Amino acid sequence: MDEETTRRIALNEVTYRKINEAIRGKPADGEITFVCECARLGCNRLIQLSRAAYEAVRRDPRRFVIVPGHEIAEAEDVVEQHDHYAVVEKRGEGAEIAERTATRRPLGE
């Protein structure tokens, strides 16, 4: 995968991460609706998970929550697989971009 494609993929995922980090509120059923943080252009799939589950993903700025099957094998690894969502971790330049653009740090830092 060329450098420009790797950069575009990472920046697309970072954009969705920023949207999800802005979501506030306390859901009645314990789950919040987040947007898929994949790099697929035009993806508008939604994922429901608890705030705690999302925060667990956010502890590592290289990780993103996606709809299962939306991973891009050339740029990231699936590190968790759940019934209705998966967690991917960026590699190489994509990981560097994800870390540089992280808008917050894990709790406790």
PDB file of N, CA and C in Angstrom:
ATOM      1  N   MET A   1       0.852  -1.167   0.000  1.00  0.00           N
ATOM      2  CA  MET A   1       0.000   0.000   0.000  1.00  0.00           C
ATOM      3  C   MET A   1       0.904   1.238   0.000  1.00  0.00           C
ATOM      4  N   ASP A   2       0.602   2.191  -0.865  1.00  0.00           N
ATOM      5  CA  ASP A   2       1.452   3.374  -0.959  1.00  0.00           C
ATOM      6  C   ASP A   2       1.215   4.320   0.223  1.00  0.00           C
ATOM      7  N   GLU A   3       2.161   5.221   0.399  1.00  0.00           N
ATOM      8  CA  GLU A   3       2.150   6.132   1.544  1.00  0.00           C
ATOM      9  C   GLU A   3       0.929   7.046   1.554  1.00  0.00           C
ATOM     10  N   GLU A   4       0.531   7.543   0.403  1.00  0.00           N
ATOM     11  CA  GLU A   4      -0.627   8.436   0.321  1.00  0.00           C
ATOM     12  C   GLU A   4      -1.913   7.717   0.722  1.00  0.00           C
ATOM     13  N   THR A   5      -2.094   6.481   0.289  1.00  0.00           N
ATOM     14  CA  THR A   5      -3.273   5.708   0.664  1.00  0.00           C
ATOM     15  C   THR A   5      -3.276   5.431   2.157  1.00  0.00           C
ATOM     16  N   THR A   6      -2.126   5.068   2.708  1.00  0.00           N
ATOM     17  CA  THR A   6      -2.018   4.825   4.141  1.00  0.00           C
ATOM     18  C   THR A   6      -2.405   6.080   4.919  1.00  0.00           C
ATOM     19  N   ARG A   7      -1.925   7.230   4.484  1.00  0.00           N
ATOM     20  CA  ARG A   7      -2.235   8.501   5.145  1.00  0.00           C
ATOM     21  C   ARG A   7      -3.732   8.798   5.056  1.00  0.00           C
ATOM     22  N   ARG A   8      -4.331   8.615   3.877  1.00  0.00           N
ATOM     23  CA  ARG A   8      -5.763   8.889   3.708  1.00  0.00           C
ATOM     24  C   ARG A   8      -6.601   8.003   4.608  1.00  0.00           C
ATOM     25  N   ILE A   9      -6.256   6.731   4.685  1.00  0.00           N
ATOM     26  CA  ILE A   9      -6.987   5.791   5.532  1.00  0.00           C
ATOM     27  C   ILE A   9      -6.924   6.245   6.986  1.00  0.00           C
ATOM     28  N   ALA A  10      -5.736   6.563   7.454  1.00  0.00           N
ATOM     29  CA  ALA A  10      -5.574   6.970   8.851  1.00  0.00           C
ATOM     30  C   ALA A  10      -6.342   8.260   9.147  1.00  0.00           C
ATOM     31  N   LEU A  11      -6.266   9.232   8.258  1.00  0.00           N
ATOM     32  CA  LEU A  11      -6.957  10.501   8.498  1.00  0.00           C
ATOM     33  C   LEU A  11      -8.472  10.334   8.466  1.00  0.00           C
ATOM     34  N   ASN A  12      -8.977   9.454   7.631  1.00  0.00           N
ATOM     35  CA  ASN A  12     -10.408   9.187   7.598  1.00  0.00           C
ATOM     36  C   ASN A  12     -10.863   8.598   8.929  1.00  0.00           C
ATOM     37  N   GLU A  13     -10.107   7.633   9.445  1.00  0.00           N
ATOM     38  CA  GLU A  13     -10.461   7.013  10.718  1.00  0.00           C
ATOM     39  C   GLU A  13     -10.373   8.012  11.864  1.00  0.00           C
ATOM     40  N   VAL A  14      -9.375   8.881  11.824  1.00  0.00           N
ATOM     41  CA  VAL A  14      -9.221   9.905  12.856  1.00  0.00           C
ATOM     42  C   VAL A  14     -10.436  10.838  12.860  1.00  0.00           C
ATOM     43  N   THR A  15     -10.960  11.166  11.694  1.00  0.00           N
ATOM     44  CA  THR A  15     -12.140  12.026  11.604  1.00  0.00           C
ATOM     45  C   THR A  15     -13.327  11.398  12.312  1.00  0.00           C
ATOM     46  N   TYR A  16     -13.575  10.111  12.074  1.00  0.00           N
ATOM     47  CA  TYR A  16     -14.686   9.427  12.744  1.00  0.00           C
ATOM     48  C   TYR A  16     -14.446   9.328  14.242  1.00  0.00           C
ATOM     49  N   ARG A  17     -13.192   9.149  14.649  1.00  0.00           N
ATOM     50  CA  ARG A  17     -12.869   9.096  16.075  1.00  0.00           C
ATOM     51  C   ARG A  17     -13.248  10.422  16.737  1.00  0.00           C
ATOM     52  N   LYS A  18     -12.947  11.540  16.087  1.00  0.00           N
ATOM     53  CA  LYS A  18     -13.281  12.846  16.652  1.00  0.00           C
ATOM     54  C   LYS A  18     -14.791  12.994  16.830  1.00  0.00           C
ATOM     55  N   ILE A  19     -15.556  12.519  15.878  1.00  0.00           N
ATOM     56  CA  ILE A  19     -17.021  12.564  15.991  1.00  0.00           C
ATOM     57  C   ILE A  19     -17.464  11.755  17.203  1.00  0.00           C
ATOM     58  N   ASN A  20     -16.958  10.541  17.344  1.00  0.00           N
ATOM     59  CA  ASN A  20     -17.361   9.684  18.451  1.00  0.00           C
ATOM     60  C   ASN A  20     -16.944  10.235  19.803  1.00  0.00           C
ATOM     61  N   GLU A  21     -15.782  10.856  19.875  1.00  0.00           N
ATOM     62  CA  GLU A  21     -15.327  11.419  21.142  1.00  0.00           C
ATOM     63  C   GLU A  21     -16.206  12.584  21.587  1.00  0.00           C
ATOM     64  N   ALA A  22     -16.913  13.211  20.665  1.00  0.00           N
ATOM     65  CA  ALA A  22     -17.784  14.328  21.005  1.00  0.00           C
ATOM     66  C   ALA A  22     -19.164  13.876  21.492  1.00  0.00           C
ATOM     67  N   ILE A  23     -19.471  12.609  21.363  1.00  0.00           N
ATOM     68  CA  ILE A  23     -20.787  12.099  21.763  1.00  0.00           C
ATOM     69  C   ILE A  23     -20.886  12.119  23.282  1.00  0.00           C
ATOM     70  N   ARG A  24     -21.938  12.711  23.781  1.00  0.00           N
ATOM     71  CA  ARG A  24     -22.176  12.802  25.214  1.00  0.00           C
ATOM     72  C   ARG A  24     -23.544  12.213  25.525  1.00  0.00           C
ATOM     73  N   GLY A  25     -23.823  12.060  26.787  1.00  0.00           N
ATOM     74  CA  GLY A  25     -25.138  11.597  27.189  1.00  0.00           C
ATOM     75  C   GLY A  25     -25.078  10.248  27.872  1.00  0.00           C
ATOM     76  N   LYS A  26     -26.145   9.958  28.586  1.00  0.00           N
ATOM     77  CA  LYS A  26     -26.248   8.692  29.307  1.00  0.00           C
ATOM     78  C   LYS A  26     -27.456   7.939  28.764  1.00  0.00           C
ATOM     79  N   PRO A  27     -27.231   6.874  28.051  1.00  0.00           N
ATOM     80  CA  PRO A  27     -28.346   6.126  27.461  1.00  0.00           C
ATOM     81  C   PRO A  27     -29.124   5.339  28.523  1.00  0.00           C
ATOM     82  N   ALA A  28     -30.391   5.193  28.301  1.00  0.00           N
ATOM     83  CA  ALA A  28     -31.239   4.455  29.237  1.00  0.00           C
ATOM     84  C   ALA A  28     -30.888   2.973  29.271  1.00  0.00           C
ATOM     85  N   ASP A  29     -30.494   2.396  28.138  1.00  0.00           N
ATOM     86  CA  ASP A  29     -30.230   0.957  28.076  1.00  0.00           C
ATOM     87  C   ASP A  29     -28.759   0.600  28.290  1.00  0.00           C
ATOM     88  N   GLY A  30     -27.921   1.589  28.591  1.00  0.00           N
ATOM     89  CA  GLY A  30     -26.509   1.322  28.845  1.00  0.00           C
ATOM     90  C   GLY A  30     -25.629   1.347  27.606  1.00  0.00           C
ATOM     91  N   GLU A  31     -26.214   1.487  26.423  1.00  0.00           N
ATOM     92  CA  GLU A  31     -25.419   1.525  25.199  1.00  0.00           C
ATOM     93  C   GLU A  31     -25.604   2.856  24.482  1.00  0.00           C
ATOM     94  N   ILE A  32     -24.537   3.267  23.825  1.00  0.00           N
ATOM     95  CA  ILE A  32     -24.525   4.511  23.066  1.00  0.00           C
ATOM     96  C   ILE A  32     -24.282   4.146  21.600  1.00  0.00           C
ATOM     97  N   THR A  33     -24.846   4.924  20.710  1.00  0.00           N
ATOM     98  CA  THR A  33     -24.632   4.694  19.287  1.00  0.00           C
ATOM     99  C   THR A  33     -23.441   5.529  18.820  1.00  0.00           C
ATOM    100  N   PHE A  34     -22.445   4.844  18.241  1.00  0.00           N
ATOM    101  CA  PHE A  34     -21.247   5.473  17.700  1.00  0.00           C
ATOM    102  C   PHE A  34     -21.205   5.211  16.203  1.00  0.00           C
ATOM    103  N   VAL A  35     -20.480   6.052  15.473  1.00  0.00           N
ATOM    104  CA  VAL A  35     -20.287   5.802  14.048  1.00  0.00           C
ATOM    105  C   VAL A  35     -19.101   4.860  13.864  1.00  0.00           C
ATOM    106  N   CYS A  36     -19.167   4.043  12.848  1.00  0.00           N
ATOM    107  CA  CYS A  36     -18.058   3.153  12.503  1.00  0.00           C
ATOM    108  C   CYS A  36     -16.852   4.018  12.175  1.00  0.00           C
ATOM    109  N   GLU A  37     -15.710   3.687  12.770  1.00  0.00           N
ATOM    110  CA  GLU A  37     -14.495   4.474  12.569  1.00  0.00           C
ATOM    111  C   GLU A  37     -13.608   3.909  11.460  1.00  0.00           C
ATOM    112  N   CYS A  38     -14.201   3.187  10.530  1.00  0.00           N
ATOM    113  CA  CYS A  38     -13.426   2.584   9.454  1.00  0.00           C
ATOM    114  C   CYS A  38     -13.000   3.632   8.425  1.00  0.00           C
ATOM    115  N   ALA A  39     -12.180   3.217   7.493  1.00  0.00           N
ATOM    116  CA  ALA A  39     -11.678   4.124   6.465  1.00  0.00           C
ATOM    117  C   ALA A  39     -12.469   4.047   5.163  1.00  0.00           C
ATOM    118  N   ARG A  40     -13.550   3.290   5.140  1.00  0.00           N
ATOM    119  CA  ARG A  40     -14.336   3.170   3.911  1.00  0.00           C
ATOM    120  C   ARG A  40     -15.048   4.477   3.604  1.00  0.00           C
ATOM    121  N   LEU A  41     -14.807   5.004   2.441  1.00  0.00           N
ATOM    122  CA  LEU A  41     -15.474   6.238   2.041  1.00  0.00           C
ATOM    123  C   LEU A  41     -16.975   6.009   1.976  1.00  0.00           C
ATOM    124  N   GLY A  42     -17.722   6.911   2.574  1.00  0.00           N
ATOM    125  CA  GLY A  42     -19.171   6.819   2.544  1.00  0.00           C
ATOM    126  C   GLY A  42     -19.781   5.906   3.591  1.00  0.00           C
ATOM    127  N   CYS A  43     -18.980   5.293   4.433  1.00  0.00           N
ATOM    128  CA  CYS A  43     -19.545   4.418   5.468  1.00  0.00           C
ATOM    129  C   CYS A  43     -20.336   5.266   6.457  1.00  0.00           C
ATOM    130  N   ASN A  44     -21.561   4.853   6.702  1.00  0.00           N
ATOM    131  CA  ASN A  44     -22.388   5.537   7.692  1.00  0.00           C
ATOM    132  C   ASN A  44     -23.019   4.537   8.655  1.00  0.00           C
ATOM    133  N   ARG A  45     -22.362   3.398   8.828  1.00  0.00           N
ATOM    134  CA  ARG A  45     -22.863   2.356   9.717  1.00  0.00           C
ATOM    135  C   ARG A  45     -22.705   2.800  11.164  1.00  0.00           C
ATOM    136  N   LEU A  46     -23.631   2.368  11.988  1.00  0.00           N
ATOM    137  CA  LEU A  46     -23.630   2.715  13.404  1.00  0.00           C
ATOM    138  C   LEU A  46     -23.346   1.474  14.240  1.00  0.00           C
ATOM    139  N   ILE A  47     -22.707   1.699  15.381  1.00  0.00           N
ATOM    140  CA  ILE A  47     -22.333   0.624  16.298  1.00  0.00           C
ATOM    141  C   ILE A  47     -22.828   1.015  17.687  1.00  0.00           C
ATOM    142  N   GLN A  48     -23.455   0.084  18.385  1.00  0.00           N
ATOM    143  CA  GLN A  48     -23.880   0.361  19.744  1.00  0.00           C
ATOM    144  C   GLN A  48     -22.976  -0.389  20.716  1.00  0.00           C
ATOM    145  N   LEU A  49     -22.419   0.358  21.665  1.00  0.00           N
ATOM    146  CA  LEU A  49     -21.635  -0.245  22.728  1.00  0.00           C
ATOM    147  C   LEU A  49     -21.655   0.675  23.934  1.00  0.00           C
ATOM    148  N   SER A  50     -21.261   0.146  25.060  1.00  0.00           N
ATOM    149  CA  SER A  50     -21.279   0.936  26.287  1.00  0.00           C
ATOM    150  C   SER A  50     -20.176   1.982  26.251  1.00  0.00           C
ATOM    151  N   ARG A  51     -20.348   3.009  27.057  1.00  0.00           N
ATOM    152  CA  ARG A  51     -19.312   4.040  27.173  1.00  0.00           C
ATOM    153  C   ARG A  51     -18.013   3.389  27.647  1.00  0.00           C
ATOM    154  N   ALA A  52     -18.105   2.450  28.594  1.00  0.00           N
ATOM    155  CA  ALA A  52     -16.906   1.781  29.115  1.00  0.00           C
ATOM    156  C   ALA A  52     -16.177   1.011  28.017  1.00  0.00           C
ATOM    157  N   ALA A  53     -16.919   0.329  27.150  1.00  0.00           N
ATOM    158  CA  ALA A  53     -16.297  -0.428  26.056  1.00  0.00           C
ATOM    159  C   ALA A  53     -15.598   0.528  25.090  1.00  0.00           C
ATOM    160  N   TYR A  54     -16.240   1.667  24.784  1.00  0.00           N
ATOM    161  CA  TYR A  54     -15.609   2.633  23.888  1.00  0.00           C
ATOM    162  C   TYR A  54     -14.361   3.223  24.538  1.00  0.00           C
ATOM    163  N   GLU A  55     -14.451   3.555  25.806  1.00  0.00           N
ATOM    164  CA  GLU A  55     -13.290   4.124  26.510  1.00  0.00           C
ATOM    165  C   GLU A  55     -12.128   3.127  26.533  1.00  0.00           C
ATOM    166  N   ALA A  56     -12.427   1.844  26.638  1.00  0.00           N
ATOM    167  CA  ALA A  56     -11.369   0.827  26.620  1.00  0.00           C
ATOM    168  C   ALA A  56     -10.612   0.858  25.288  1.00  0.00           C
ATOM    169  N   VAL A  57     -11.330   1.051  24.194  1.00  0.00           N
ATOM    170  CA  VAL A  57     -10.694   1.163  22.883  1.00  0.00           C
ATOM    171  C   VAL A  57      -9.850   2.434  22.825  1.00  0.00           C
ATOM    172  N   ARG A  58     -10.386   3.531  23.336  1.00  0.00           N
ATOM    173  CA  ARG A  58      -9.722   4.831  23.259  1.00  0.00           C
ATOM    174  C   ARG A  58      -8.449   4.926  24.099  1.00  0.00           C
ATOM    175  N   ARG A  59      -8.220   3.979  25.000  1.00  0.00           N
ATOM    176  CA  ARG A  59      -6.993   4.027  25.813  1.00  0.00           C
ATOM    177  C   ARG A  59      -5.737   3.955  24.950  1.00  0.00           C
ATOM    178  N   ASP A  60      -5.869   3.394  23.777  1.00  0.00           N
ATOM    179  CA  ASP A  60      -4.737   3.302  22.853  1.00  0.00           C
ATOM    180  C   ASP A  60      -5.100   4.099  21.607  1.00  0.00           C
ATOM    181  N   PRO A  61      -4.402   5.204  21.332  1.00  0.00           N
ATOM    182  CA  PRO A  61      -4.779   6.046  20.194  1.00  0.00           C
ATOM    183  C   PRO A  61      -4.636   5.371  18.838  1.00  0.00           C
ATOM    184  N   ARG A  62      -3.980   4.208  18.789  1.00  0.00           N
ATOM    185  CA  ARG A  62      -3.838   3.479  17.521  1.00  0.00           C
ATOM    186  C   ARG A  62      -5.035   2.585  17.239  1.00  0.00           C
ATOM    187  N   ARG A  63      -5.977   2.513  18.178  1.00  0.00           N
ATOM    188  CA  ARG A  63      -7.125   1.609  18.030  1.00  0.00           C
ATOM    189  C   ARG A  63      -8.403   2.343  17.668  1.00  0.00           C
ATOM    190  N   PHE A  64      -9.222   1.656  16.845  1.00  0.00           N
ATOM    191  CA  PHE A  64     -10.476   2.202  16.358  1.00  0.00           C
ATOM    192  C   PHE A  64     -11.558   1.135  16.418  1.00  0.00           C
ATOM    193  N   VAL A  65     -12.807   1.557  16.643  1.00  0.00           N
ATOM    194  CA  VAL A  65     -13.943   0.642  16.684  1.00  0.00           C
ATOM    195  C   VAL A  65     -14.627   0.667  15.311  1.00  0.00           C
ATOM    196  N   ILE A  66     -14.878  -0.525  14.776  1.00  0.00           N
ATOM    197  CA  ILE A  66     -15.457  -0.628  13.431  1.00  0.00           C
ATOM    198  C   ILE A  66     -16.538  -1.703  13.395  1.00  0.00           C
ATOM    199  N   VAL A  67     -17.324  -1.678  12.344  1.00  0.00           N
ATOM    200  CA  VAL A  67     -18.254  -2.758  12.041  1.00  0.00           C
ATOM    201  C   VAL A  67     -17.405  -3.955  11.585  1.00  0.00           C
ATOM    202  N   PRO A  68     -17.688  -5.156  12.070  1.00  0.00           N
ATOM    203  CA  PRO A  68     -16.907  -6.321  11.617  1.00  0.00           C
ATOM    204  C   PRO A  68     -16.881  -6.412  10.091  1.00  0.00           C
ATOM    205  N   GLY A  69     -15.699  -6.677   9.564  1.00  0.00           N
ATOM    206  CA  GLY A  69     -15.529  -6.781   8.122  1.00  0.00           C
ATOM    207  C   GLY A  69     -15.091  -5.490   7.454  1.00  0.00           C
ATOM    208  N   HIS A  70     -15.054  -4.397   8.190  1.00  0.00           N
ATOM    209  CA  HIS A  70     -14.651  -3.116   7.615  1.00  0.00           C
ATOM    210  C   HIS A  70     -13.160  -2.839   7.772  1.00  0.00           C
ATOM    211  N   GLU A  71     -12.408  -3.805   8.246  1.00  0.00           N
ATOM    212  CA  GLU A  71     -10.971  -3.608   8.403  1.00  0.00           C
ATOM    213  C   GLU A  71     -10.277  -3.584   7.038  1.00  0.00           C
ATOM    214  N   ILE A  72      -9.122  -2.937   7.004  1.00  0.00           N
ATOM    215  CA  ILE A  72      -8.289  -2.905   5.809  1.00  0.00           C
ATOM    216  C   ILE A  72      -6.995  -3.610   6.175  1.00  0.00           C
ATOM    217  N   ALA A  73      -6.877  -4.859   5.746  1.00  0.00           N
ATOM    218  CA  ALA A  73      -5.788  -5.741   6.169  1.00  0.00           C
ATOM    219  C   ALA A  73      -4.403  -5.178   5.870  1.00  0.00           C
ATOM    220  N   GLU A  74      -4.290  -4.379   4.829  1.00  0.00           N
ATOM    221  CA  GLU A  74      -2.986  -3.818   4.470  1.00  0.00           C
ATOM    222  C   GLU A  74      -2.528  -2.721   5.427  1.00  0.00           C
ATOM    223  N   ALA A  75      -3.434  -2.180   6.250  1.00  0.00           N
ATOM    224  CA  ALA A  75      -3.101  -1.029   7.088  1.00  0.00           C
ATOM    225  C   ALA A  75      -3.320  -1.232   8.578  1.00  0.00           C
ATOM    226  N   GLU A  76      -4.027  -2.307   8.942  1.00  0.00           N
ATOM    227  CA  GLU A  76      -4.390  -2.478  10.343  1.00  0.00           C
ATOM    228  C   GLU A  76      -4.653  -3.944  10.661  1.00  0.00           C
ATOM    229  N   ASP A  77      -4.626  -4.246  11.955  1.00  0.00           N
ATOM    230  CA  ASP A  77      -4.891  -5.602  12.432  1.00  0.00           C
ATOM    231  C   ASP A  77      -6.132  -5.603  13.303  1.00  0.00           C
ATOM    232  N   VAL A  78      -6.966  -6.633  13.161  1.00  0.00           N
ATOM    233  CA  VAL A  78      -8.095  -6.802  14.066  1.00  0.00           C
ATOM    234  C   VAL A  78      -7.523  -7.353  15.375  1.00  0.00           C
ATOM    235  N   VAL A  79      -7.737  -6.621  16.475  1.00  0.00           N
ATOM    236  CA  VAL A  79      -7.193  -7.039  17.767  1.00  0.00           C
ATOM    237  C   VAL A  79      -8.278  -7.518  18.727  1.00  0.00           C
ATOM    238  N   GLU A  80      -9.535  -7.208  18.416  1.00  0.00           N
ATOM    239  CA  GLU A  80     -10.680  -7.696  19.192  1.00  0.00           C
ATOM    240  C   GLU A  80     -11.837  -7.932  18.231  1.00  0.00           C
ATOM    241  N   GLN A  81     -12.582  -8.990  18.485  1.00  0.00           N
ATOM    242  CA  GLN A  81     -13.759  -9.295  17.677  1.00  0.00           C
ATOM    243  C   GLN A  81     -14.920  -9.538  18.623  1.00  0.00           C
ATOM    244  N   HIS A  82     -15.989  -8.763  18.490  1.00  0.00           N
ATOM    245  CA  HIS A  82     -17.179  -8.896  19.317  1.00  0.00           C
ATOM    246  C   HIS A  82     -18.368  -9.182  18.409  1.00  0.00           C
ATOM    247  N   ASP A  83     -19.521  -9.448  18.995  1.00  0.00           N
ATOM    248  CA  ASP A  83     -20.696  -9.776  18.191  1.00  0.00           C
ATOM    249  C   ASP A  83     -21.053  -8.688  17.185  1.00  0.00           C
ATOM    250  N   HIS A  84     -21.069  -7.438  17.602  1.00  0.00           N
ATOM    251  CA  HIS A  84     -21.528  -6.376  16.710  1.00  0.00           C
ATOM    252  C   HIS A  84     -20.498  -5.276  16.474  1.00  0.00           C
ATOM    253  N   TYR A  85     -19.265  -5.499  16.897  1.00  0.00           N
ATOM    254  CA  TYR A  85     -18.194  -4.566  16.556  1.00  0.00           C
ATOM    255  C   TYR A  85     -16.840  -5.261  16.665  1.00  0.00           C
ATOM    256  N   ALA A  86     -15.860  -4.644  16.039  1.00  0.00           N
ATOM    257  CA  ALA A  86     -14.479  -5.129  16.109  1.00  0.00           C
ATOM    258  C   ALA A  86     -13.592  -3.939  16.442  1.00  0.00           C
ATOM    259  N   VAL A  87     -12.386  -4.248  16.907  1.00  0.00           N
ATOM    260  CA  VAL A  87     -11.404  -3.215  17.214  1.00  0.00           C
ATOM    261  C   VAL A  87     -10.184  -3.484  16.344  1.00  0.00           C
ATOM    262  N   VAL A  88      -9.739  -2.447  15.633  1.00  0.00           N
ATOM    263  CA  VAL A  88      -8.538  -2.565  14.810  1.00  0.00           C
ATOM    264  C   VAL A  88      -7.444  -1.684  15.386  1.00  0.00           C
ATOM    265  N   GLU A  89      -6.214  -2.083  15.095  1.00  0.00           N
ATOM    266  CA  GLU A  89      -5.059  -1.297  15.518  1.00  0.00           C
ATOM    267  C   GLU A  89      -4.243  -0.958  14.280  1.00  0.00           C
ATOM    268  N   LYS A  90      -3.987   0.332  14.113  1.00  0.00           N
ATOM    269  CA  LYS A  90      -3.204   0.806  12.969  1.00  0.00           C
ATOM    270  C   LYS A  90      -1.764   0.350  13.106  1.00  0.00           C
ATOM    271  N   ARG A  91      -1.080   0.179  11.956  1.00  0.00           N
ATOM    272  CA  ARG A  91       0.345  -0.145  11.936  1.00  0.00           C
ATOM    273  C   ARG A  91       1.090   0.915  11.129  1.00  0.00           C
ATOM    274  N   GLY A  92       2.400   0.944  11.323  1.00  0.00           N
ATOM    275  CA  GLY A  92       3.275   1.799  10.529  1.00  0.00           C
ATOM    276  C   GLY A  92       2.906   3.257  10.576  1.00  0.00           C
ATOM    277  N   GLU A  93       2.934   3.901   9.407  1.00  0.00           N
ATOM    278  CA  GLU A  93       2.649   5.328   9.339  1.00  0.00           C
ATOM    279  C   GLU A  93       1.245   5.648   9.837  1.00  0.00           C
ATOM    280  N   GLY A  94       0.292   4.763   9.586  1.00  0.00           N
ATOM    281  CA  GLY A  94      -1.072   4.980  10.074  1.00  0.00           C
ATOM    282  C   GLY A  94      -1.118   5.061  11.592  1.00  0.00           C
ATOM    283  N   ALA A  95      -0.332   4.231  12.270  1.00  0.00           N
ATOM    284  CA  ALA A  95      -0.257   4.273  13.733  1.00  0.00           C
ATOM    285  C   ALA A  95       0.337   5.590  14.201  1.00  0.00           C
ATOM    286  N   GLU A  96       1.371   6.053  13.493  1.00  0.00           N
ATOM    287  CA  GLU A  96       2.002   7.335  13.851  1.00  0.00           C
ATOM    288  C   GLU A  96       1.015   8.490  13.701  1.00  0.00           C
ATOM    289  N   ILE A  97       0.250   8.484  12.625  1.00  0.00           N
ATOM    290  CA  ILE A  97      -0.749   9.533  12.407  1.00  0.00           C
ATOM    291  C   ILE A  97      -1.812   9.476  13.501  1.00  0.00           C
ATOM    292  N   ALA A  98      -2.272   8.291  13.821  1.00  0.00           N
ATOM    293  CA  ALA A  98      -3.297   8.133  14.864  1.00  0.00           C
ATOM    294  C   ALA A  98      -2.794   8.661  16.203  1.00  0.00           C
ATOM    295  N   GLU A  99      -1.563   8.367  16.534  1.00  0.00           N
ATOM    296  CA  GLU A  99      -0.998   8.844  17.797  1.00  0.00           C
ATOM    297  C   GLU A  99      -0.822  10.361  17.791  1.00  0.00           C
ATOM    298  N   ARG A 100      -0.310  10.911  16.699  1.00  0.00           N
ATOM    299  CA  ARG A 100      -0.087  12.361  16.605  1.00  0.00           C
ATOM    300  C   ARG A 100      -1.380  13.161  16.676  1.00  0.00           C
ATOM    301  N   THR A 101      -2.457  12.608  16.159  1.00  0.00           N
ATOM    302  CA  THR A 101      -3.714  13.354  16.077  1.00  0.00           C
ATOM    303  C   THR A 101      -4.656  13.056  17.230  1.00  0.00           C
ATOM    304  N   ALA A 102      -4.250  12.217  18.165  1.00  0.00           N
ATOM    305  CA  ALA A 102      -5.113  11.902  19.320  1.00  0.00           C
ATOM    306  C   ALA A 102      -5.415  13.189  20.081  1.00  0.00           C
ATOM    307  N   THR A 103      -6.671  13.445  20.312  1.00  0.00           N
ATOM    308  CA  THR A 103      -7.082  14.688  20.961  1.00  0.00           C
ATOM    309  C   THR A 103      -7.144  14.562  22.474  1.00  0.00           C
ATOM    310  N   ARG A 104      -7.022  13.370  22.976  1.00  0.00           N
ATOM    311  CA  ARG A 104      -7.038  13.182  24.421  1.00  0.00           C
ATOM    312  C   ARG A 104      -6.145  12.004  24.769  1.00  0.00           C
ATOM    313  N   ARG A 105      -5.825  11.917  26.018  1.00  0.00           N
ATOM    314  CA  ARG A 105      -4.970  10.849  26.516  1.00  0.00           C
ATOM    315  C   ARG A 105      -5.796   9.928  27.395  1.00  0.00           C
ATOM    316  N   PRO A 106      -5.321   8.722  27.608  1.00  0.00           N
ATOM    317  CA  PRO A 106      -6.054   7.804  28.488  1.00  0.00           C
ATOM    318  C   PRO A 106      -6.296   8.429  29.852  1.00  0.00           C
ATOM    319  N   LEU A 107      -7.391   7.987  30.492  1.00  0.00           N
ATOM    320  CA  LEU A 107      -7.700   8.467  31.833  1.00  0.00           C
ATOM    321  C   LEU A 107      -6.518   8.200  32.751  1.00  0.00           C
ATOM    322  N   GLY A 108      -6.221   9.161  33.616  1.00  0.00           N
ATOM    323  CA  GLY A 108      -5.132   8.989  34.558  1.00  0.00           C
ATOM    324  C   GLY A 108      -3.822   9.573  34.107  1.00  0.00           C
ATOM    325  N   GLU A 109      -3.715  10.030  32.878  1.00  0.00           N
ATOM    326  CA  GLU A 109      -2.455  10.653  32.413  1.00  0.00           C
ATOM    327  C   GLU A 109      -2.514  12.137  32.593  1.00  0.00           C
TER     328      GLU A 109
END
